[in-house]
Amino acid sequence: LGREVSQCILVDNSPLSYMFQPENAIGCSSYIDATMDGELDVIAAFLEDVRGCGDVREHCRSWRQWGIYGSKGLALAGKRRGVVAG
């Protein structure tokens, strides 16, 4: 890509796509006509949260703890969609 690896995050539903750079990856589920799927909203919120950091790999390690389905992840996704999370 011609970019610093420390500044690149790969988002893909197939681990094979990022098997050579797993520390730079965020796995996601496949999207197939799931209009209520909010996973990309949560990923977008996470990416906004780590924008401007020195090395994205440090933050990608915490992706599972930050959580697609964790309370912080759902709350941020809800804010992005204008929904109040409970």
C-alpha atoms as a PDB file:
ATOM      1  CA  LEU A   1       0.000   0.000   0.000  1.00  0.00           C
ATOM      2  CA  GLY A   2       2.957   2.310   0.360  1.00  0.00           C
ATOM      3  CA  ARG A   3       1.919   3.207   3.901  1.00  0.00           C
ATOM      4  CA  GLU A   4       3.399   2.590   7.330  1.00  0.00           C
ATOM      5  CA  VAL A   5       2.153  -0.748   8.662  1.00  0.00           C
ATOM      6  CA  SER A   6       1.761   0.902  12.052  1.00  0.00           C
ATOM      7  CA  GLN A   7      -0.972   3.092  10.521  1.00  0.00           C
ATOM      8  CA  CYS A   8      -2.968   0.432   8.630  1.00  0.00           C
ATOM      9  CA  ILE A   9      -5.954  -1.574   9.862  1.00  0.00           C
ATOM     10  CA  LEU A  10      -7.439  -4.363   7.789  1.00  0.00           C
ATOM     11  CA  VAL A  11     -11.152  -5.059   8.244  1.00  0.00           C
ATOM     12  CA  ASP A  12     -12.287  -8.310   6.671  1.00  0.00           C
ATOM     13  CA  ASN A  13     -14.590 -11.238   7.275  1.00  0.00           C
ATOM     14  CA  SER A  14     -11.956 -13.781   6.210  1.00  0.00           C
ATOM     15  CA  PRO A  15      -8.945 -14.446   8.450  1.00  0.00           C
ATOM     16  CA  LEU A  16      -7.089 -15.610   5.331  1.00  0.00           C
ATOM     17  CA  SER A  17      -7.105 -12.001   4.110  1.00  0.00           C
ATOM     18  CA  TYR A  18      -4.997 -10.867   7.026  1.00  0.00           C
ATOM     19  CA  MET A  19      -3.091 -14.000   7.974  1.00  0.00           C
ATOM     20  CA  PHE A  20       0.261 -12.316   7.266  1.00  0.00           C
ATOM     21  CA  GLN A  21      -0.614  -9.187   9.276  1.00  0.00           C
ATOM     22  CA  PRO A  22      -2.927 -10.407  12.064  1.00  0.00           C
ATOM     23  CA  GLU A  23      -1.784  -7.669  14.438  1.00  0.00           C
ATOM     24  CA  ASN A  24      -3.234  -5.116  12.014  1.00  0.00           C
ATOM     25  CA  ALA A  25      -6.596  -6.830  11.650  1.00  0.00           C
ATOM     26  CA  ILE A  26     -10.153  -6.464  12.822  1.00  0.00           C
ATOM     27  CA  GLY A  27     -12.267  -9.460  11.969  1.00  0.00           C
ATOM     28  CA  CYS A  28     -15.920  -8.989  11.161  1.00  0.00           C
ATOM     29  CA  SER A  29     -18.828 -11.179  10.212  1.00  0.00           C
ATOM     30  CA  SER A  30     -20.166 -11.427   6.671  1.00  0.00           C
ATOM     31  CA  TYR A  31     -22.847  -8.939   5.720  1.00  0.00           C
ATOM     32  CA  ILE A  32     -25.615 -10.420   3.625  1.00  0.00           C
ATOM     33  CA  ASP A  33     -28.803  -8.327   3.466  1.00  0.00           C
ATOM     34  CA  ALA A  34     -28.876  -7.845   7.244  1.00  0.00           C
ATOM     35  CA  THR A  35     -30.380  -4.356   7.364  1.00  0.00           C
ATOM     36  CA  MET A  36     -30.302  -4.263  11.177  1.00  0.00           C
ATOM     37  CA  ASP A  37     -26.623  -5.289  11.351  1.00  0.00           C
ATOM     38  CA  GLY A  38     -24.758  -2.678  13.401  1.00  0.00           C
ATOM     39  CA  GLU A  39     -21.331  -4.290  13.367  1.00  0.00           C
ATOM     40  CA  LEU A  40     -19.838  -1.800  10.915  1.00  0.00           C
ATOM     41  CA  ASP A  41     -21.148   1.055  13.066  1.00  0.00           C
ATOM     42  CA  VAL A  42     -19.222  -0.380  16.000  1.00  0.00           C
ATOM     43  CA  ILE A  43     -16.101  -0.877  13.891  1.00  0.00           C
ATOM     44  CA  ALA A  44     -16.393   2.721  12.643  1.00  0.00           C
ATOM     45  CA  ALA A  45     -16.657   3.977  16.232  1.00  0.00           C
ATOM     46  CA  PHE A  46     -13.568   1.952  17.177  1.00  0.00           C
ATOM     47  CA  LEU A  47     -11.650   3.343  14.197  1.00  0.00           C
ATOM     48  CA  GLU A  48     -12.617   6.889  15.138  1.00  0.00           C
ATOM     49  CA  ASP A  49     -11.451   6.154  18.689  1.00  0.00           C
ATOM     50  CA  VAL A  50      -7.966   5.084  17.532  1.00  0.00           C
ATOM     51  CA  ARG A  51      -7.538   7.690  14.785  1.00  0.00           C
ATOM     52  CA  GLY A  52      -4.311   9.579  15.221  1.00  0.00           C
ATOM     53  CA  CYS A  53      -2.662   7.042  17.519  1.00  0.00           C
ATOM     54  CA  GLY A  54       1.021   6.252  17.149  1.00  0.00           C
ATOM     55  CA  ASP A  55       0.672   2.552  16.332  1.00  0.00           C
ATOM     56  CA  VAL A  56      -2.689   0.981  15.482  1.00  0.00           C
ATOM     57  CA  ARG A  57      -1.399  -2.506  16.295  1.00  0.00           C
ATOM     58  CA  GLU A  58      -1.483  -1.703  20.005  1.00  0.00           C
ATOM     59  CA  HIS A  59      -5.175  -0.911  19.686  1.00  0.00           C
ATOM     60  CA  CYS A  60      -6.030  -3.825  17.396  1.00  0.00           C
ATOM     61  CA  ARG A  61      -4.817  -6.134  20.166  1.00  0.00           C
ATOM     62  CA  SER A  62      -7.525  -4.714  22.379  1.00  0.00           C
ATOM     63  CA  TRP A  63     -10.255  -5.034  19.737  1.00  0.00           C
ATOM     64  CA  ARG A  64     -11.787  -8.131  21.305  1.00  0.00           C
ATOM     65  CA  GLN A  65     -11.851  -6.478  24.724  1.00  0.00           C
ATOM     66  CA  TRP A  66     -13.225  -3.232  23.267  1.00  0.00           C
ATOM     67  CA  GLY A  67     -15.881  -5.428  21.869  1.00  0.00           C
ATOM     68  CA  ILE A  68     -18.172  -5.711  18.933  1.00  0.00           C
ATOM     69  CA  TYR A  69     -20.850  -6.717  21.427  1.00  0.00           C
ATOM     70  CA  GLY A  70     -19.417  -5.101  24.541  1.00  0.00           C
ATOM     71  CA  SER A  71     -21.336  -2.334  26.264  1.00  0.00           C
ATOM     72  CA  LYS A  72     -18.967   0.401  25.097  1.00  0.00           C
ATOM     73  CA  GLY A  73     -19.166  -0.833  21.507  1.00  0.00           C
ATOM     74  CA  LEU A  74     -22.960  -0.996  21.513  1.00  0.00           C
ATOM     75  CA  ALA A  75     -23.262   2.389  23.211  1.00  0.00           C
ATOM     76  CA  LEU A  76     -21.013   4.036  20.626  1.00  0.00           C
ATOM     77  CA  ALA A  77     -22.837   2.359  17.746  1.00  0.00           C
ATOM     78  CA  GLY A  78     -26.124   3.577  19.182  1.00  0.00           C
ATOM     79  CA  LYS A  79     -24.842   7.143  19.437  1.00  0.00           C
ATOM     80  CA  ARG A  80     -23.711   7.038  15.807  1.00  0.00           C
ATOM     81  CA  ARG A  81     -27.205   5.922  14.750  1.00  0.00           C
ATOM     82  CA  GLY A  82     -28.963   8.347  17.098  1.00  0.00           C
ATOM     83  CA  VAL A  83     -30.145   5.568  19.431  1.00  0.00           C
ATOM     84  CA  VAL A  84     -29.904   5.858  23.192  1.00  0.00           C
ATOM     85  CA  ALA A  85     -28.210   2.724  24.510  1.00  0.00           C
ATOM     86  CA  GLY A  86     -29.462   1.361  27.814  1.00  0.00           C
END
